[in-house]
């Protein structure tokens, strides 16, 4: 028995050395108190009890050139997994997930009562969007919707709710990113459990 243990120990240690520890999250926001990674903007956000909640202020919407409330999460990465949950009321017209880099927009999806569209922004001065996928799920008022977005090189995997998942690829995704944004227009939106982890 002792000889068997002595024979197995080097293998156990070698295996343990090859197992990388889990990556520390770049953002892990449970909406409890202040966070150096979070910037709540363009609206009266209320952050407490594990959620962030905001009702659009129409004067601010016009002031910011028809851009609604948003929370930006500062996270520098090339490849990462982003997860969160959101709950719109029946007056929300759009929910917008955005990833930006130093030069501007990189990747986005927009959900509305009509469905979801996924777009990328090829590098360049005009930042015109390129639709990569259409026909995704519609907004579900009054319910929490779980979202997962994995960005790895030129590929993206987007999962929204329990029934929708799609994988897309475009070279413009394969860039350094600096910030993740969760925003909306009109009505009231709640957010919780925001997490960004390097891949």
C-alpha atoms as a PDB file:
ATOM      1  CA  UNK A   1       0.000   0.000   0.000  1.00  0.00           C
ATOM      2  CA  UNK A   2       2.811   2.418   0.912  1.00  0.00           C
ATOM      3  CA  UNK A   3       4.526   1.776  -2.416  1.00  0.00           C
ATOM      4  CA  UNK A   4       1.254   2.475  -4.244  1.00  0.00           C
ATOM      5  CA  UNK A   5       0.831   5.761  -2.388  1.00  0.00           C
ATOM      6  CA  UNK A   6       4.437   6.703  -3.110  1.00  0.00           C
ATOM      7  CA  UNK A   7       3.864   5.946  -6.788  1.00  0.00           C
ATOM      8  CA  UNK A   8       0.620   7.990  -6.948  1.00  0.00           C
ATOM      9  CA  UNK A   9       1.785  11.099  -5.073  1.00  0.00           C
ATOM     10  CA  UNK A  10       3.914  12.550  -7.906  1.00  0.00           C
ATOM     11  CA  UNK A  11       0.996  12.111 -10.310  1.00  0.00           C
ATOM     12  CA  UNK A  12      -1.386  13.872  -7.910  1.00  0.00           C
ATOM     13  CA  UNK A  13       1.002  16.792  -7.454  1.00  0.00           C
ATOM     14  CA  UNK A  14       1.623  17.044 -11.191  1.00  0.00           C
ATOM     15  CA  UNK A  15      -2.122  17.131 -11.895  1.00  0.00           C
ATOM     16  CA  UNK A  16      -2.715  19.763  -9.205  1.00  0.00           C
ATOM     17  CA  UNK A  17      -0.001  21.957 -10.712  1.00  0.00           C
ATOM     18  CA  UNK A  18      -1.717  21.933 -14.095  1.00  0.00           C
ATOM     19  CA  UNK A  19      -5.127  23.024 -12.765  1.00  0.00           C
ATOM     20  CA  UNK A  20      -5.308  26.818 -13.004  1.00  0.00           C
ATOM     21  CA  UNK A  21      -7.117  28.647 -10.224  1.00  0.00           C
ATOM     22  CA  UNK A  22     -10.458  30.212 -11.121  1.00  0.00           C
ATOM     23  CA  UNK A  23     -10.088  33.685 -12.576  1.00  0.00           C
ATOM     24  CA  UNK A  24     -10.956  36.561 -10.273  1.00  0.00           C
ATOM     25  CA  UNK A  25     -13.910  38.505 -11.689  1.00  0.00           C
ATOM     26  CA  UNK A  26     -13.171  41.879 -13.233  1.00  0.00           C
ATOM     27  CA  UNK A  27     -16.610  42.970 -11.994  1.00  0.00           C
ATOM     28  CA  UNK A  28     -18.803  41.247  -9.411  1.00  0.00           C
ATOM     29  CA  UNK A  29     -21.566  43.707  -8.604  1.00  0.00           C
ATOM     30  CA  UNK A  30     -24.282  42.611  -6.196  1.00  0.00           C
ATOM     31  CA  UNK A  31     -25.523  46.204  -5.892  1.00  0.00           C
ATOM     32  CA  UNK A  32     -24.701  46.589  -2.239  1.00  0.00           C
ATOM     33  CA  UNK A  33     -23.196  50.020  -1.549  1.00  0.00           C
ATOM     34  CA  UNK A  34     -20.656  51.831  -3.697  1.00  0.00           C
ATOM     35  CA  UNK A  35     -18.423  50.217  -6.330  1.00  0.00           C
ATOM     36  CA  UNK A  36     -15.334  51.660  -8.007  1.00  0.00           C
ATOM     37  CA  UNK A  37     -16.252  49.646 -11.118  1.00  0.00           C
ATOM     38  CA  UNK A  38     -19.770  51.080 -11.518  1.00  0.00           C
ATOM     39  CA  UNK A  39     -20.926  54.398 -13.028  1.00  0.00           C
ATOM     40  CA  UNK A  40     -24.705  54.957 -12.954  1.00  0.00           C
ATOM     41  CA  UNK A  41     -25.633  57.741 -15.380  1.00  0.00           C
ATOM     42  CA  UNK A  42     -28.399  59.598 -17.217  1.00  0.00           C
ATOM     43  CA  UNK A  43     -31.114  58.848 -14.693  1.00  0.00           C
ATOM     44  CA  UNK A  44     -32.153  58.646 -11.011  1.00  0.00           C
ATOM     45  CA  UNK A  45     -30.715  55.196 -10.295  1.00  0.00           C
ATOM     46  CA  UNK A  46     -31.619  53.672  -6.925  1.00  0.00           C
ATOM     47  CA  UNK A  47     -29.084  51.067  -5.812  1.00  0.00           C
ATOM     48  CA  UNK A  48     -29.935  49.027  -2.739  1.00  0.00           C
ATOM     49  CA  UNK A  49     -30.953  45.575  -1.564  1.00  0.00           C
ATOM     50  CA  UNK A  50     -29.131  43.770  -4.358  1.00  0.00           C
ATOM     51  CA  UNK A  51     -30.681  45.606  -7.314  1.00  0.00           C
ATOM     52  CA  UNK A  52     -30.227  48.761  -9.354  1.00  0.00           C
ATOM     53  CA  UNK A  53     -33.499  50.377 -10.423  1.00  0.00           C
ATOM     54  CA  UNK A  54     -34.270  53.424 -12.541  1.00  0.00           C
ATOM     55  CA  UNK A  55     -37.238  55.139 -14.170  1.00  0.00           C
ATOM     56  CA  UNK A  56     -36.341  57.230 -17.197  1.00  0.00           C
ATOM     57  CA  UNK A  57     -36.396  60.998 -16.759  1.00  0.00           C
ATOM     58  CA  UNK A  58     -37.680  62.338 -20.075  1.00  0.00           C
ATOM     59  CA  UNK A  59     -35.878  65.679 -19.710  1.00  0.00           C
ATOM     60  CA  UNK A  60     -32.564  63.873 -19.222  1.00  0.00           C
ATOM     61  CA  UNK A  61     -33.383  61.651 -22.193  1.00  0.00           C
ATOM     62  CA  UNK A  62     -33.626  64.719 -24.418  1.00  0.00           C
ATOM     63  CA  UNK A  63     -30.591  66.353 -22.803  1.00  0.00           C
ATOM     64  CA  UNK A  64     -28.486  63.308 -23.701  1.00  0.00           C
ATOM     65  CA  UNK A  65     -29.727  63.270 -27.313  1.00  0.00           C
ATOM     66  CA  UNK A  66     -32.271  60.470 -26.954  1.00  0.00           C
ATOM     67  CA  UNK A  67     -30.024  58.226 -24.842  1.00  0.00           C
ATOM     68  CA  UNK A  68     -31.669  56.663 -21.801  1.00  0.00           C
ATOM     69  CA  UNK A  69     -30.302  55.679 -18.379  1.00  0.00           C
ATOM     70  CA  UNK A  70     -27.232  53.443 -18.315  1.00  0.00           C
ATOM     71  CA  UNK A  71     -24.798  51.844 -15.902  1.00  0.00           C
ATOM     72  CA  UNK A  72     -21.212  51.509 -17.140  1.00  0.00           C
ATOM     73  CA  UNK A  73     -18.954  48.862 -15.640  1.00  0.00           C
ATOM     74  CA  UNK A  74     -15.240  49.537 -16.053  1.00  0.00           C
ATOM     75  CA  UNK A  75     -13.439  46.322 -17.006  1.00  0.00           C
ATOM     76  CA  UNK A  76     -10.415  46.051 -19.284  1.00  0.00           C
ATOM     77  CA  UNK A  77     -10.339  42.766 -21.199  1.00  0.00           C
ATOM     78  CA  UNK A  78      -9.913  41.123 -24.565  1.00  0.00           C
ATOM     79  CA  UNK A  79     -11.918  37.944 -23.907  1.00  0.00           C
ATOM     80  CA  UNK A  80     -14.536  37.713 -21.158  1.00  0.00           C
ATOM     81  CA  UNK A  81     -17.843  36.259 -20.013  1.00  0.00           C
ATOM     82  CA  UNK A  82     -20.504  38.748 -18.954  1.00  0.00           C
ATOM     83  CA  UNK A  83     -23.621  37.702 -17.056  1.00  0.00           C
ATOM     84  CA  UNK A  84     -26.474  39.626 -15.469  1.00  0.00           C
ATOM     85  CA  UNK A  85     -30.247  39.713 -15.007  1.00  0.00           C
ATOM     86  CA  UNK A  86     -32.644  42.468 -16.026  1.00  0.00           C
ATOM     87  CA  UNK A  87     -36.351  43.168 -15.513  1.00  0.00           C
ATOM     88  CA  UNK A  88     -38.196  45.757 -17.652  1.00  0.00           C
ATOM     89  CA  UNK A  89     -41.673  47.034 -17.033  1.00  0.00           C
ATOM     90  CA  UNK A  90     -44.247  47.226 -19.821  1.00  0.00           C
ATOM     91  CA  UNK A  91     -43.214  50.770 -20.796  1.00  0.00           C
ATOM     92  CA  UNK A  92     -39.571  49.939 -21.612  1.00  0.00           C
ATOM     93  CA  UNK A  93     -39.003  50.292 -25.356  1.00  0.00           C
ATOM     94  CA  UNK A  94     -35.409  49.059 -25.559  1.00  0.00           C
ATOM     95  CA  UNK A  95     -32.819  47.301 -23.428  1.00  0.00           C
ATOM     96  CA  UNK A  96     -29.254  47.823 -24.660  1.00  0.00           C
ATOM     97  CA  UNK A  97     -26.159  45.744 -23.850  1.00  0.00           C
ATOM     98  CA  UNK A  98     -22.973  47.428 -25.079  1.00  0.00           C
ATOM     99  CA  UNK A  99     -19.258  46.664 -24.987  1.00  0.00           C
ATOM    100  CA  UNK A 100     -16.905  49.510 -25.844  1.00  0.00           C
ATOM    101  CA  UNK A 101     -13.192  49.839 -26.438  1.00  0.00           C
ATOM    102  CA  UNK A 102     -10.858  52.801 -26.331  1.00  0.00           C
ATOM    103  CA  UNK A 103     -11.949  53.889 -29.822  1.00  0.00           C
ATOM    104  CA  UNK A 104     -15.715  53.467 -29.316  1.00  0.00           C
ATOM    105  CA  UNK A 105     -18.390  50.793 -29.665  1.00  0.00           C
ATOM    106  CA  UNK A 106     -17.321  47.176 -30.274  1.00  0.00           C
ATOM    107  CA  UNK A 107     -20.383  44.948 -29.715  1.00  0.00           C
ATOM    108  CA  UNK A 108     -24.033  45.401 -28.815  1.00  0.00           C
ATOM    109  CA  UNK A 109     -27.421  43.790 -28.634  1.00  0.00           C
ATOM    110  CA  UNK A 110     -30.707  45.658 -28.477  1.00  0.00           C
ATOM    111  CA  UNK A 111     -33.894  44.018 -27.207  1.00  0.00           C
ATOM    112  CA  UNK A 112     -37.355  45.525 -27.691  1.00  0.00           C
ATOM    113  CA  UNK A 113     -40.978  44.340 -27.722  1.00  0.00           C
ATOM    114  CA  UNK A 114     -40.328  43.384 -31.374  1.00  0.00           C
ATOM    115  CA  UNK A 115     -37.258  41.200 -30.721  1.00  0.00           C
ATOM    116  CA  UNK A 116     -33.473  41.319 -30.355  1.00  0.00           C
ATOM    117  CA  UNK A 117     -30.780  42.358 -32.821  1.00  0.00           C
ATOM    118  CA  UNK A 118     -27.044  41.740 -32.326  1.00  0.00           C
ATOM    119  CA  UNK A 119     -24.572  44.126 -33.939  1.00  0.00           C
ATOM    120  CA  UNK A 120     -20.844  44.762 -34.160  1.00  0.00           C
ATOM    121  CA  UNK A 121     -19.018  47.987 -34.937  1.00  0.00           C
ATOM    122  CA  UNK A 122     -16.134  47.607 -37.392  1.00  0.00           C
ATOM    123  CA  UNK A 123     -13.134  49.799 -36.518  1.00  0.00           C
ATOM    124  CA  UNK A 124     -13.106  53.203 -38.142  1.00  0.00           C
ATOM    125  CA  UNK A 125     -14.210  56.768 -37.715  1.00  0.00           C
ATOM    126  CA  UNK A 126     -17.903  56.430 -38.517  1.00  0.00           C
ATOM    127  CA  UNK A 127     -18.778  53.627 -36.042  1.00  0.00           C
ATOM    128  CA  UNK A 128     -21.649  52.386 -38.186  1.00  0.00           C
ATOM    129  CA  UNK A 129     -23.132  49.167 -36.849  1.00  0.00           C
ATOM    130  CA  UNK A 130     -23.210  45.877 -38.727  1.00  0.00           C
ATOM    131  CA  UNK A 131     -26.127  43.550 -37.936  1.00  0.00           C
ATOM    132  CA  UNK A 132     -24.893  40.025 -37.158  1.00  0.00           C
ATOM    133  CA  UNK A 133     -28.131  38.385 -35.987  1.00  0.00           C
ATOM    134  CA  UNK A 134     -31.816  39.302 -35.924  1.00  0.00           C
ATOM    135  CA  UNK A 135     -34.981  37.704 -34.612  1.00  0.00           C
ATOM    136  CA  UNK A 136     -33.871  37.186 -31.012  1.00  0.00           C
ATOM    137  CA  UNK A 137     -36.275  37.162 -28.059  1.00  0.00           C
ATOM    138  CA  UNK A 138     -38.691  39.962 -27.239  1.00  0.00           C
ATOM    139  CA  UNK A 139     -38.611  41.871 -23.971  1.00  0.00           C
ATOM    140  CA  UNK A 140     -40.584  40.142 -21.227  1.00  0.00           C
ATOM    141  CA  UNK A 141     -42.175  42.798 -18.985  1.00  0.00           C
ATOM    142  CA  UNK A 142     -42.283  42.144 -15.259  1.00  0.00           C
ATOM    143  CA  UNK A 143     -39.951  39.128 -15.303  1.00  0.00           C
ATOM    144  CA  UNK A 144     -36.264  38.671 -14.590  1.00  0.00           C
ATOM    145  CA  UNK A 145     -34.355  37.607 -17.697  1.00  0.00           C
ATOM    146  CA  UNK A 146     -30.928  36.005 -17.355  1.00  0.00           C
ATOM    147  CA  UNK A 147     -28.269  36.946 -19.911  1.00  0.00           C
ATOM    148  CA  UNK A 148     -24.847  35.510 -20.686  1.00  0.00           C
ATOM    149  CA  UNK A 149     -22.476  36.944 -23.293  1.00  0.00           C
ATOM    150  CA  UNK A 150     -19.118  35.316 -24.023  1.00  0.00           C
ATOM    151  CA  UNK A 151     -16.657  37.241 -26.184  1.00  0.00           C
ATOM    152  CA  UNK A 152     -13.625  35.228 -27.273  1.00  0.00           C
ATOM    153  CA  UNK A 153     -11.457  36.419 -30.143  1.00  0.00           C
ATOM    154  CA  UNK A 154     -13.744  37.091 -33.122  1.00  0.00           C
ATOM    155  CA  UNK A 155     -16.545  34.950 -31.664  1.00  0.00           C
ATOM    156  CA  UNK A 156     -19.518  35.803 -29.482  1.00  0.00           C
ATOM    157  CA  UNK A 157     -22.018  33.525 -27.771  1.00  0.00           C
ATOM    158  CA  UNK A 158     -25.182  35.263 -26.597  1.00  0.00           C
ATOM    159  CA  UNK A 159     -27.770  33.560 -24.380  1.00  0.00           C
ATOM    160  CA  UNK A 160     -30.937  35.413 -23.363  1.00  0.00           C
ATOM    161  CA  UNK A 161     -33.497  33.735 -21.133  1.00  0.00           C
ATOM    162  CA  UNK A 162     -33.897  29.967 -21.102  1.00  0.00           C
ATOM    163  CA  UNK A 163     -34.760  29.422 -24.767  1.00  0.00           C
ATOM    164  CA  UNK A 164     -32.389  31.564 -26.852  1.00  0.00           C
ATOM    165  CA  UNK A 165     -28.708  31.072 -27.572  1.00  0.00           C
ATOM    166  CA  UNK A 166     -26.726  31.968 -30.682  1.00  0.00           C
ATOM    167  CA  UNK A 167     -23.077  31.992 -31.711  1.00  0.00           C
ATOM    168  CA  UNK A 168     -21.715  34.510 -34.173  1.00  0.00           C
ATOM    169  CA  UNK A 169     -18.311  35.507 -35.520  1.00  0.00           C
ATOM    170  CA  UNK A 170     -16.901  38.755 -36.865  1.00  0.00           C
ATOM    171  CA  UNK A 171     -13.358  40.111 -36.904  1.00  0.00           C
ATOM    172  CA  UNK A 172     -14.399  43.431 -35.356  1.00  0.00           C
ATOM    173  CA  UNK A 173     -15.171  41.656 -32.046  1.00  0.00           C
ATOM    174  CA  UNK A 174     -11.515  40.625 -31.734  1.00  0.00           C
ATOM    175  CA  UNK A 175     -10.326  43.803 -30.010  1.00  0.00           C
ATOM    176  CA  UNK A 176      -9.427  45.110 -26.578  1.00  0.00           C
ATOM    177  CA  UNK A 177     -12.456  46.205 -24.554  1.00  0.00           C
ATOM    178  CA  UNK A 178     -12.650  48.691 -21.687  1.00  0.00           C
ATOM    179  CA  UNK A 179     -16.256  48.951 -20.497  1.00  0.00           C
ATOM    180  CA  UNK A 180     -19.608  47.119 -20.396  1.00  0.00           C
ATOM    181  CA  UNK A 181     -22.850  49.087 -20.472  1.00  0.00           C
ATOM    182  CA  UNK A 182     -26.402  48.122 -19.496  1.00  0.00           C
ATOM    183  CA  UNK A 183     -28.962  50.710 -20.531  1.00  0.00           C
ATOM    184  CA  UNK A 184     -32.562  51.219 -21.578  1.00  0.00           C
ATOM    185  CA  UNK A 185     -35.079  53.719 -22.878  1.00  0.00           C
ATOM    186  CA  UNK A 186     -38.445  54.646 -21.360  1.00  0.00           C
ATOM    187  CA  UNK A 187     -40.237  52.997 -18.470  1.00  0.00           C
ATOM    188  CA  UNK A 188     -38.505  51.394 -15.484  1.00  0.00           C
ATOM    189  CA  UNK A 189     -35.718  48.816 -15.466  1.00  0.00           C
ATOM    190  CA  UNK A 190     -34.102  46.741 -12.725  1.00  0.00           C
ATOM    191  CA  UNK A 191     -30.702  45.011 -12.826  1.00  0.00           C
ATOM    192  CA  UNK A 192     -28.980  42.465 -10.590  1.00  0.00           C
ATOM    193  CA  UNK A 193     -26.075  40.009 -10.392  1.00  0.00           C
ATOM    194  CA  UNK A 194     -23.691  41.666 -12.849  1.00  0.00           C
ATOM    195  CA  UNK A 195     -20.458  39.742 -13.356  1.00  0.00           C
ATOM    196  CA  UNK A 196     -17.573  40.077 -15.822  1.00  0.00           C
ATOM    197  CA  UNK A 197     -14.877  37.369 -15.805  1.00  0.00           C
ATOM    198  CA  UNK A 198     -11.852  37.022 -18.060  1.00  0.00           C
ATOM    199  CA  UNK A 199     -11.744  33.958 -20.298  1.00  0.00           C
END
